[in-house]
Amino acid sequence: MKKKIPRIVSAEPVIPGVLKIVWDDRYAGLVDLRPTISRGRVFTYLQKPENFQKVRVTEYGHSIEWIDDAGGQIDFAAGTLREKAEKQAAIIALAS
């Protein structure tokens, strides 16, 4: 049986490149996207703090997205973000 991927309820920038995300199963976590954003290319738009602030949750909570100046979509899936949040939380816990 497939594991149900929780939907995203909210996503808000904490600092440029880092989001606080809440899922519909009440899990909340920080997701550091700075390593991904620093790669450039499609993510160059998100390197400007004012652009990163424009994050929004998609209609059904399956992802978050930004629309760049050319109308292009930059998105991250809920499952990918959840994995990142859990992995990053585990690393922080180990370091404490």
PDB file of N, CA and C in Angstrom:
ATOM      1  N   MET A   1       0.828  -1.168   0.000  1.00  0.00           N
ATOM      2  CA  MET A   1       0.000   0.000   0.000  1.00  0.00           C
ATOM      3  C   MET A   1       0.883   1.246   0.000  1.00  0.00           C
ATOM      4  N   LYS A   2       0.524   2.213  -0.818  1.00  0.00           N
ATOM      5  CA  LYS A   2       1.282   3.446  -0.902  1.00  0.00           C
ATOM      6  C   LYS A   2       1.082   4.291   0.346  1.00  0.00           C
ATOM      7  N   LYS A   3       2.154   4.936   0.763  1.00  0.00           N
ATOM      8  CA  LYS A   3       2.081   5.848   1.891  1.00  0.00           C
ATOM      9  C   LYS A   3       1.456   7.161   1.413  1.00  0.00           C
ATOM     10  N   LYS A   4       0.465   7.647   2.136  1.00  0.00           N
ATOM     11  CA  LYS A   4      -0.188   8.902   1.776  1.00  0.00           C
ATOM     12  C   LYS A   4       0.761  10.059   2.072  1.00  0.00           C
ATOM     13  N   ILE A   5       0.949  10.905   1.092  1.00  0.00           N
ATOM     14  CA  ILE A   5       1.789  12.080   1.273  1.00  0.00           C
ATOM     15  C   ILE A   5       0.910  13.203   1.810  1.00  0.00           C
ATOM     16  N   PRO A   6       1.248  13.728   2.986  1.00  0.00           N
ATOM     17  CA  PRO A   6       0.448  14.824   3.529  1.00  0.00           C
ATOM     18  C   PRO A   6       0.489  16.043   2.607  1.00  0.00           C
ATOM     19  N   ARG A   7      -0.582  16.780   2.619  1.00  0.00           N
ATOM     20  CA  ARG A   7      -0.666  18.005   1.821  1.00  0.00           C
ATOM     21  C   ARG A   7      -0.143  19.187   2.626  1.00  0.00           C
ATOM     22  N   ILE A   8       0.343  20.169   1.906  1.00  0.00           N
ATOM     23  CA  ILE A   8       0.861  21.375   2.543  1.00  0.00           C
ATOM     24  C   ILE A   8      -0.309  22.308   2.851  1.00  0.00           C
ATOM     25  N   VAL A   9      -0.329  22.799   4.082  1.00  0.00           N
ATOM     26  CA  VAL A   9      -1.364  23.736   4.514  1.00  0.00           C
ATOM     27  C   VAL A   9      -0.848  25.168   4.392  1.00  0.00           C
ATOM     28  N   SER A  10       0.409  25.383   4.796  1.00  0.00           N
ATOM     29  CA  SER A  10       0.978  26.726   4.715  1.00  0.00           C
ATOM     30  C   SER A  10       2.486  26.649   4.520  1.00  0.00           C
ATOM     31  N   ALA A  11       3.016  27.704   3.937  1.00  0.00           N
ATOM     32  CA  ALA A  11       4.459  27.846   3.742  1.00  0.00           C
ATOM     33  C   ALA A  11       4.791  29.320   3.890  1.00  0.00           C
ATOM     34  N   GLU A  12       5.687  29.614   4.802  1.00  0.00           N
ATOM     35  CA  GLU A  12       6.069  31.010   4.978  1.00  0.00           C
ATOM     36  C   GLU A  12       7.578  31.137   5.123  1.00  0.00           C
ATOM     37  N   PRO A  13       8.145  32.144   4.472  1.00  0.00           N
ATOM     38  CA  PRO A  13       9.584  32.366   4.570  1.00  0.00           C
ATOM     39  C   PRO A  13       9.980  32.749   5.999  1.00  0.00           C
ATOM     40  N   VAL A  14      11.066  32.169   6.472  1.00  0.00           N
ATOM     41  CA  VAL A  14      11.618  32.501   7.782  1.00  0.00           C
ATOM     42  C   VAL A  14      12.768  33.481   7.577  1.00  0.00           C
ATOM     43  N   ILE A  15      13.674  33.110   6.702  1.00  0.00           N
ATOM     44  CA  ILE A  15      14.756  33.958   6.208  1.00  0.00           C
ATOM     45  C   ILE A  15      14.887  33.608   4.730  1.00  0.00           C
ATOM     46  N   PRO A  16      15.595  34.423   3.940  1.00  0.00           N
ATOM     47  CA  PRO A  16      15.741  34.075   2.528  1.00  0.00           C
ATOM     48  C   PRO A  16      16.311  32.662   2.347  1.00  0.00           C
ATOM     49  N   GLY A  17      15.560  31.837   1.638  1.00  0.00           N
ATOM     50  CA  GLY A  17      15.984  30.476   1.353  1.00  0.00           C
ATOM     51  C   GLY A  17      15.464  29.426   2.309  1.00  0.00           C
ATOM     52  N   VAL A  18      14.820  29.847   3.391  1.00  0.00           N
ATOM     53  CA  VAL A  18      14.316  28.901   4.392  1.00  0.00           C
ATOM     54  C   VAL A  18      12.823  29.133   4.608  1.00  0.00           C
ATOM     55  N   LEU A  19      12.059  28.040   4.567  1.00  0.00           N
ATOM     56  CA  LEU A  19      10.609  28.110   4.753  1.00  0.00           C
ATOM     57  C   LEU A  19      10.181  27.332   5.986  1.00  0.00           C
ATOM     58  N   LYS A  20       9.138  27.829   6.646  1.00  0.00           N
ATOM     59  CA  LYS A  20       8.432  27.041   7.659  1.00  0.00           C
ATOM     60  C   LYS A  20       7.207  26.488   6.950  1.00  0.00           C
ATOM     61  N   ILE A  21       7.090  25.172   6.935  1.00  0.00           N
ATOM     62  CA  ILE A  21       5.981  24.527   6.230  1.00  0.00           C
ATOM     63  C   ILE A  21       5.158  23.718   7.227  1.00  0.00           C
ATOM     64  N   VAL A  22       3.840  23.811   7.079  1.00  0.00           N
ATOM     65  CA  VAL A  22       2.917  23.027   7.895  1.00  0.00           C
ATOM     66  C   VAL A  22       2.124  22.132   6.953  1.00  0.00           C
ATOM     67  N   TRP A  23       2.050  20.830   7.306  1.00  0.00           N
ATOM     68  CA  TRP A  23       1.302  19.855   6.518  1.00  0.00           C
ATOM     69  C   TRP A  23      -0.031  19.551   7.195  1.00  0.00           C
ATOM     70  N   ASP A  24      -0.930  18.924   6.462  1.00  0.00           N
ATOM     71  CA  ASP A  24      -2.275  18.663   6.989  1.00  0.00           C
ATOM     72  C   ASP A  24      -2.321  17.604   8.091  1.00  0.00           C
ATOM     73  N   ASP A  25      -1.205  16.935   8.352  1.00  0.00           N
ATOM     74  CA  ASP A  25      -1.157  16.001   9.480  1.00  0.00           C
ATOM     75  C   ASP A  25      -0.569  16.670  10.723  1.00  0.00           C
ATOM     76  N   ARG A  26      -0.478  17.998  10.664  1.00  0.00           N
ATOM     77  CA  ARG A  26      -0.017  18.873  11.755  1.00  0.00           C
ATOM     78  C   ARG A  26       1.498  18.874  11.956  1.00  0.00           C
ATOM     79  N   TYR A  27       2.222  18.197  11.099  1.00  0.00           N
ATOM     80  CA  TYR A  27       3.681  18.260  11.179  1.00  0.00           C
ATOM     81  C   TYR A  27       4.112  19.625  10.654  1.00  0.00           C
ATOM     82  N   ALA A  28       5.024  20.270  11.373  1.00  0.00           N
ATOM     83  CA  ALA A  28       5.579  21.547  10.935  1.00  0.00           C
ATOM     84  C   ALA A  28       7.091  21.417  10.952  1.00  0.00           C
ATOM     85  N   GLY A  29       7.723  21.949   9.941  1.00  0.00           N
ATOM     86  CA  GLY A  29       9.173  21.860   9.884  1.00  0.00           C
ATOM     87  C   GLY A  29       9.779  22.975   9.063  1.00  0.00           C
ATOM     88  N   LEU A  30      11.055  23.184   9.298  1.00  0.00           N
ATOM     89  CA  LEU A  30      11.811  24.149   8.509  1.00  0.00           C
ATOM     90  C   LEU A  30      12.474  23.413   7.361  1.00  0.00           C
ATOM     91  N   VAL A  31      12.458  24.044   6.199  1.00  0.00           N
ATOM     92  CA  VAL A  31      13.101  23.471   5.020  1.00  0.00           C
ATOM     93  C   VAL A  31      14.088  24.502   4.482  1.00  0.00           C
ATOM     94  N   ASP A  32      15.359  24.127   4.480  1.00  0.00           N
ATOM     95  CA  ASP A  32      16.415  24.997   3.976  1.00  0.00           C
ATOM     96  C   ASP A  32      16.630  24.687   2.499  1.00  0.00           C
ATOM     97  N   LEU A  33      16.195  25.603   1.653  1.00  0.00           N
ATOM     98  CA  LEU A  33      16.337  25.432   0.206  1.00  0.00           C
ATOM     99  C   LEU A  33      17.568  26.155  -0.346  1.00  0.00           C
ATOM    100  N   ARG A  34      18.364  26.769   0.526  1.00  0.00           N
ATOM    101  CA  ARG A  34      19.516  27.544   0.053  1.00  0.00           C
ATOM    102  C   ARG A  34      20.489  26.739  -0.797  1.00  0.00           C
ATOM    103  N   PRO A  35      20.818  25.485  -0.453  1.00  0.00           N
ATOM    104  CA  PRO A  35      21.728  24.732  -1.329  1.00  0.00           C
ATOM    105  C   PRO A  35      21.161  24.547  -2.742  1.00  0.00           C
ATOM    106  N   THR A  36      19.878  24.308  -2.836  1.00  0.00           N
ATOM    107  CA  THR A  36      19.238  24.128  -4.144  1.00  0.00           C
ATOM    108  C   THR A  36      19.197  25.443  -4.905  1.00  0.00           C
ATOM    109  N   ILE A  37      18.788  26.505  -4.228  1.00  0.00           N
ATOM    110  CA  ILE A  37      18.668  27.818  -4.864  1.00  0.00           C
ATOM    111  C   ILE A  37      20.023  28.315  -5.348  1.00  0.00           C
ATOM    112  N   SER A  38      21.080  28.010  -4.608  1.00  0.00           N
ATOM    113  CA  SER A  38      22.412  28.506  -4.978  1.00  0.00           C
ATOM    114  C   SER A  38      22.933  27.891  -6.274  1.00  0.00           C
ATOM    115  N   ARG A  39      22.316  26.809  -6.734  1.00  0.00           N
ATOM    116  CA  ARG A  39      22.738  26.177  -7.995  1.00  0.00           C
ATOM    117  C   ARG A  39      22.456  27.058  -9.205  1.00  0.00           C
ATOM    118  N   GLY A  40      21.565  28.037  -9.036  1.00  0.00           N
ATOM    119  CA  GLY A  40      21.256  28.930 -10.145  1.00  0.00           C
ATOM    120  C   GLY A  40      20.292  28.320 -11.129  1.00  0.00           C
ATOM    121  N   ARG A  41      20.540  28.586 -12.401  1.00  0.00           N
ATOM    122  CA  ARG A  41      19.679  28.154 -13.500  1.00  0.00           C
ATOM    123  C   ARG A  41      18.223  28.500 -13.214  1.00  0.00           C
ATOM    124  N   VAL A  42      17.361  27.514 -13.135  1.00  0.00           N
ATOM    125  CA  VAL A  42      15.933  27.756 -12.935  1.00  0.00           C
ATOM    126  C   VAL A  42      15.665  28.421 -11.579  1.00  0.00           C
ATOM    127  N   PHE A  43      16.575  28.240 -10.616  1.00  0.00           N
ATOM    128  CA  PHE A  43      16.366  28.779  -9.274  1.00  0.00           C
ATOM    129  C   PHE A  43      16.917  30.192  -9.079  1.00  0.00           C
ATOM    130  N   THR A  44      17.534  30.773 -10.100  1.00  0.00           N
ATOM    131  CA  THR A  44      18.124  32.106  -9.987  1.00  0.00           C
ATOM    132  C   THR A  44      17.108  33.123  -9.486  1.00  0.00           C
ATOM    133  N   TYR A  45      15.876  33.020  -9.951  1.00  0.00           N
ATOM    134  CA  TYR A  45      14.805  33.940  -9.537  1.00  0.00           C
ATOM    135  C   TYR A  45      14.647  33.958  -8.012  1.00  0.00           C
ATOM    136  N   LEU A  46      14.838  32.829  -7.370  1.00  0.00           N
ATOM    137  CA  LEU A  46      14.625  32.718  -5.924  1.00  0.00           C
ATOM    138  C   LEU A  46      15.796  33.248  -5.102  1.00  0.00           C
ATOM    139  N   GLN A  47      16.891  33.609  -5.754  1.00  0.00           N
ATOM    140  CA  GLN A  47      18.046  34.132  -5.034  1.00  0.00           C
ATOM    141  C   GLN A  47      17.805  35.543  -4.512  1.00  0.00           C
ATOM    142  N   LYS A  48      16.845  36.243  -5.077  1.00  0.00           N
ATOM    143  CA  LYS A  48      16.486  37.574  -4.578  1.00  0.00           C
ATOM    144  C   LYS A  48      15.469  37.399  -3.454  1.00  0.00           C
ATOM    145  N   PRO A  49      15.767  37.927  -2.257  1.00  0.00           N
ATOM    146  CA  PRO A  49      14.858  37.748  -1.121  1.00  0.00           C
ATOM    147  C   PRO A  49      13.421  38.184  -1.400  1.00  0.00           C
ATOM    148  N   GLU A  50      13.253  39.265  -2.144  1.00  0.00           N
ATOM    149  CA  GLU A  50      11.888  39.738  -2.426  1.00  0.00           C
ATOM    150  C   GLU A  50      11.113  38.749  -3.299  1.00  0.00           C
ATOM    151  N   ASN A  51      11.808  38.002  -4.135  1.00  0.00           N
ATOM    152  CA  ASN A  51      11.145  36.976  -4.944  1.00  0.00           C
ATOM    153  C   ASN A  51      10.834  35.737  -4.106  1.00  0.00           C
ATOM    154  N   PHE A  52      11.763  35.360  -3.245  1.00  0.00           N
ATOM    155  CA  PHE A  52      11.547  34.182  -2.397  1.00  0.00           C
ATOM    156  C   PHE A  52      10.306  34.365  -1.521  1.00  0.00           C
ATOM    157  N   GLN A  53      10.044  35.597  -1.120  1.00  0.00           N
ATOM    158  CA  GLN A  53       8.879  35.911  -0.274  1.00  0.00           C
ATOM    159  C   GLN A  53       7.549  35.609  -0.963  1.00  0.00           C
ATOM    160  N   LYS A  54       7.549  35.477  -2.267  1.00  0.00           N
ATOM    161  CA  LYS A  54       6.307  35.304  -3.038  1.00  0.00           C
ATOM    162  C   LYS A  54       5.827  33.853  -3.116  1.00  0.00           C
ATOM    163  N   VAL A  55       6.327  33.006  -2.260  1.00  0.00           N
ATOM    164  CA  VAL A  55       5.934  31.591  -2.268  1.00  0.00           C
ATOM    165  C   VAL A  55       4.432  31.455  -2.024  1.00  0.00           C
ATOM    166  N   ARG A  56       3.864  30.455  -2.659  1.00  0.00           N
ATOM    167  CA  ARG A  56       2.447  30.162  -2.402  1.00  0.00           C
ATOM    168  C   ARG A  56       2.228  28.653  -2.478  1.00  0.00           C
ATOM    169  N   VAL A  57       1.221  28.213  -1.738  1.00  0.00           N
ATOM    170  CA  VAL A  57       0.832  26.807  -1.747  1.00  0.00           C
ATOM    171  C   VAL A  57      -0.117  26.612  -2.919  1.00  0.00           C
ATOM    172  N   THR A  58       0.082  25.556  -3.685  1.00  0.00           N
ATOM    173  CA  THR A  58      -0.804  25.294  -4.821  1.00  0.00           C
ATOM    174  C   THR A  58      -2.187  24.875  -4.326  1.00  0.00           C
ATOM    175  N   GLU A  59      -3.136  24.888  -5.231  1.00  0.00           N
ATOM    176  CA  GLU A  59      -4.553  24.723  -4.891  1.00  0.00           C
ATOM    177  C   GLU A  59      -4.864  23.545  -3.971  1.00  0.00           C
ATOM    178  N   TYR A  60      -4.321  22.397  -4.230  1.00  0.00           N
ATOM    179  CA  TYR A  60      -4.651  21.219  -3.421  1.00  0.00           C
ATOM    180  C   TYR A  60      -3.576  20.858  -2.405  1.00  0.00           C
ATOM    181  N   GLY A  61      -2.565  21.715  -2.261  1.00  0.00           N
ATOM    182  CA  GLY A  61      -1.520  21.480  -1.275  1.00  0.00           C
ATOM    183  C   GLY A  61      -0.502  20.423  -1.648  1.00  0.00           C
ATOM    184  N   HIS A  62      -0.456  20.076  -2.935  1.00  0.00           N
ATOM    185  CA  HIS A  62       0.495  19.057  -3.378  1.00  0.00           C
ATOM    186  C   HIS A  62       1.899  19.620  -3.590  1.00  0.00           C
ATOM    187  N   SER A  63       2.010  20.955  -3.600  1.00  0.00           N
ATOM    188  CA  SER A  63       3.310  21.576  -3.817  1.00  0.00           C
ATOM    189  C   SER A  63       3.259  23.039  -3.398  1.00  0.00           C
ATOM    190  N   ILE A  64       4.450  23.663  -3.444  1.00  0.00           N
ATOM    191  CA  ILE A  64       4.542  25.115  -3.315  1.00  0.00           C
ATOM    192  C   ILE A  64       5.114  25.621  -4.625  1.00  0.00           C
ATOM    193  N   GLU A  65       4.887  26.904  -4.902  1.00  0.00           N
ATOM    194  CA  GLU A  65       5.385  27.427  -6.173  1.00  0.00           C
ATOM    195  C   GLU A  65       5.662  28.916  -6.105  1.00  0.00           C
ATOM    196  N   TRP A  66       6.442  29.338  -7.070  1.00  0.00           N
ATOM    197  CA  TRP A  66       6.698  30.734  -7.359  1.00  0.00           C
ATOM    198  C   TRP A  66       6.492  30.887  -8.859  1.00  0.00           C
ATOM    199  N   ILE A  67       6.024  32.040  -9.284  1.00  0.00           N
ATOM    200  CA  ILE A  67       5.905  32.348 -10.707  1.00  0.00           C
ATOM    201  C   ILE A  67       6.945  33.426 -11.004  1.00  0.00           C
ATOM    202  N   ASP A  68       7.890  33.121 -11.886  1.00  0.00           N
ATOM    203  CA  ASP A  68       8.954  34.083 -12.167  1.00  0.00           C
ATOM    204  C   ASP A  68       8.467  35.193 -13.091  1.00  0.00           C
ATOM    205  N   ASP A  69       9.341  36.148 -13.367  1.00  0.00           N
ATOM    206  CA  ASP A  69       8.969  37.325 -14.162  1.00  0.00           C
ATOM    207  C   ASP A  69       8.535  36.985 -15.579  1.00  0.00           C
ATOM    208  N   ALA A  70       8.979  35.850 -16.096  1.00  0.00           N
ATOM    209  CA  ALA A  70       8.604  35.430 -17.450  1.00  0.00           C
ATOM    210  C   ALA A  70       7.347  34.560 -17.441  1.00  0.00           C
ATOM    211  N   GLY A  71       6.762  34.371 -16.252  1.00  0.00           N
ATOM    212  CA  GLY A  71       5.568  33.535 -16.146  1.00  0.00           C
ATOM    213  C   GLY A  71       5.870  32.065 -15.945  1.00  0.00           C
ATOM    214  N   GLY A  72       7.152  31.736 -15.787  1.00  0.00           N
ATOM    215  CA  GLY A  72       7.536  30.344 -15.552  1.00  0.00           C
ATOM    216  C   GLY A  72       7.265  29.919 -14.119  1.00  0.00           C
ATOM    217  N   GLN A  73       7.017  28.657 -13.947  1.00  0.00           N
ATOM    218  CA  GLN A  73       6.690  28.108 -12.632  1.00  0.00           C
ATOM    219  C   GLN A  73       7.908  27.410 -12.034  1.00  0.00           C
ATOM    220  N   ILE A  74       8.201  27.732 -10.781  1.00  0.00           N
ATOM    221  CA  ILE A  74       9.245  27.055 -10.017  1.00  0.00           C
ATOM    222  C   ILE A  74       8.511  26.378  -8.870  1.00  0.00           C
ATOM    223  N   ASP A  75       8.618  25.060  -8.777  1.00  0.00           N
ATOM    224  CA  ASP A  75       7.841  24.384  -7.733  1.00  0.00           C
ATOM    225  C   ASP A  75       8.617  23.254  -7.069  1.00  0.00           C
ATOM    226  N   PHE A  76       8.141  22.901  -5.884  1.00  0.00           N
ATOM    227  CA  PHE A  76       8.673  21.787  -5.107  1.00  0.00           C
ATOM    228  C   PHE A  76       7.492  20.970  -4.624  1.00  0.00           C
ATOM    229  N   ALA A  77       7.553  19.668  -4.793  1.00  0.00           N
ATOM    230  CA  ALA A  77       6.470  18.771  -4.396  1.00  0.00           C
ATOM    231  C   ALA A  77       6.411  18.605  -2.877  1.00  0.00           C
ATOM    232  N   ALA A  78       5.205  18.387  -2.372  1.00  0.00           N
ATOM    233  CA  ALA A  78       4.983  18.222  -0.931  1.00  0.00           C
ATOM    234  C   ALA A  78       5.825  17.083  -0.360  1.00  0.00           C
ATOM    235  N   GLY A  79       5.895  15.966  -1.066  1.00  0.00           N
ATOM    236  CA  GLY A  79       6.665  14.824  -0.583  1.00  0.00           C
ATOM    237  C   GLY A  79       8.150  15.116  -0.483  1.00  0.00           C
ATOM    238  N   THR A  80       8.685  15.792  -1.483  1.00  0.00           N
ATOM    239  CA  THR A  80      10.097  16.171  -1.484  1.00  0.00           C
ATOM    240  C   THR A  80      10.397  17.098  -0.317  1.00  0.00           C
ATOM    241  N   LEU A  81       9.515  18.070  -0.103  1.00  0.00           N
ATOM    242  CA  LEU A  81       9.714  19.021   0.988  1.00  0.00           C
ATOM    243  C   LEU A  81       9.617  18.334   2.346  1.00  0.00           C
ATOM    244  N   ARG A  82       8.698  17.388   2.471  1.00  0.00           N
ATOM    245  CA  ARG A  82       8.544  16.665   3.737  1.00  0.00           C
ATOM    246  C   ARG A  82       9.809  15.869   4.039  1.00  0.00           C
ATOM    247  N   GLU A  83      10.347  15.197   3.028  1.00  0.00           N
ATOM    248  CA  GLU A  83      11.593  14.446   3.215  1.00  0.00           C
ATOM    249  C   GLU A  83      12.721  15.364   3.660  1.00  0.00           C
ATOM    250  N   LYS A  84      12.830  16.526   3.002  1.00  0.00           N
ATOM    251  CA  LYS A  84      13.869  17.493   3.372  1.00  0.00           C
ATOM    252  C   LYS A  84      13.680  17.964   4.811  1.00  0.00           C
ATOM    253  N   ALA A  85      12.449  18.295   5.183  1.00  0.00           N
ATOM    254  CA  ALA A  85      12.172  18.788   6.538  1.00  0.00           C
ATOM    255  C   ALA A  85      12.554  17.746   7.582  1.00  0.00           C
ATOM    256  N   GLU A  86      12.166  16.506   7.356  1.00  0.00           N
ATOM    257  CA  GLU A  86      12.463  15.440   8.318  1.00  0.00           C
ATOM    258  C   GLU A  86      13.960  15.155   8.392  1.00  0.00           C
ATOM    259  N   LYS A  87      14.617  15.132   7.246  1.00  0.00           N
ATOM    260  CA  LYS A  87      16.059  14.872   7.209  1.00  0.00           C
ATOM    261  C   LYS A  87      16.827  16.004   7.893  1.00  0.00           C
ATOM    262  N   GLN A  88      16.448  17.244   7.592  1.00  0.00           N
ATOM    263  CA  GLN A  88      17.133  18.383   8.195  1.00  0.00           C
ATOM    264  C   GLN A  88      16.885  18.439   9.700  1.00  0.00           C
ATOM    265  N   ALA A  89      15.679  18.086  10.150  1.00  0.00           N
ATOM    266  CA  ALA A  89      15.381  18.057  11.588  1.00  0.00           C
ATOM    267  C   ALA A  89      16.224  16.989  12.282  1.00  0.00           C
ATOM    268  N   ALA A  90      16.404  15.851  11.633  1.00  0.00           N
ATOM    269  CA  ALA A  90      17.209  14.770  12.210  1.00  0.00           C
ATOM    270  C   ALA A  90      18.673  15.186  12.346  1.00  0.00           C
ATOM    271  N   ILE A  91      19.181  15.890  11.363  1.00  0.00           N
ATOM    272  CA  ILE A  91      20.572  16.362  11.410  1.00  0.00           C
ATOM    273  C   ILE A  91      20.753  17.342  12.560  1.00  0.00           C
ATOM    274  N   ILE A  92      19.796  18.252  12.711  1.00  0.00           N
ATOM    275  CA  ILE A  92      19.863  19.232  13.802  1.00  0.00           C
ATOM    276  C   ILE A  92      19.796  18.518  15.151  1.00  0.00           C
ATOM    277  N   ALA A  93      18.926  17.523  15.266  1.00  0.00           N
ATOM    278  CA  ALA A  93      18.794  16.774  16.521  1.00  0.00           C
ATOM    279  C   ALA A  93      20.097  16.046  16.868  1.00  0.00           C
ATOM    280  N   LEU A  94      20.739  15.475  15.878  1.00  0.00           N
ATOM    281  CA  LEU A  94      22.006  14.771  16.114  1.00  0.00           C
ATOM    282  C   LEU A  94      23.116  15.728  16.544  1.00  0.00           C
ATOM    283  N   ALA A  95      23.064  16.938  16.004  1.00  0.00           N
ATOM    284  CA  ALA A  95      24.097  17.923  16.302  1.00  0.00           C
ATOM    285  C   ALA A  95      23.905  18.567  17.676  1.00  0.00           C
ATOM    286  N   SER A  96      22.728  18.415  18.239  1.00  0.00           N
ATOM    287  CA  SER A  96      22.427  19.046  19.542  1.00  0.00           C
ATOM    288  C   SER A  96      23.018  18.270  20.690  1.00  0.00           C
TER     289      SER A  96
END
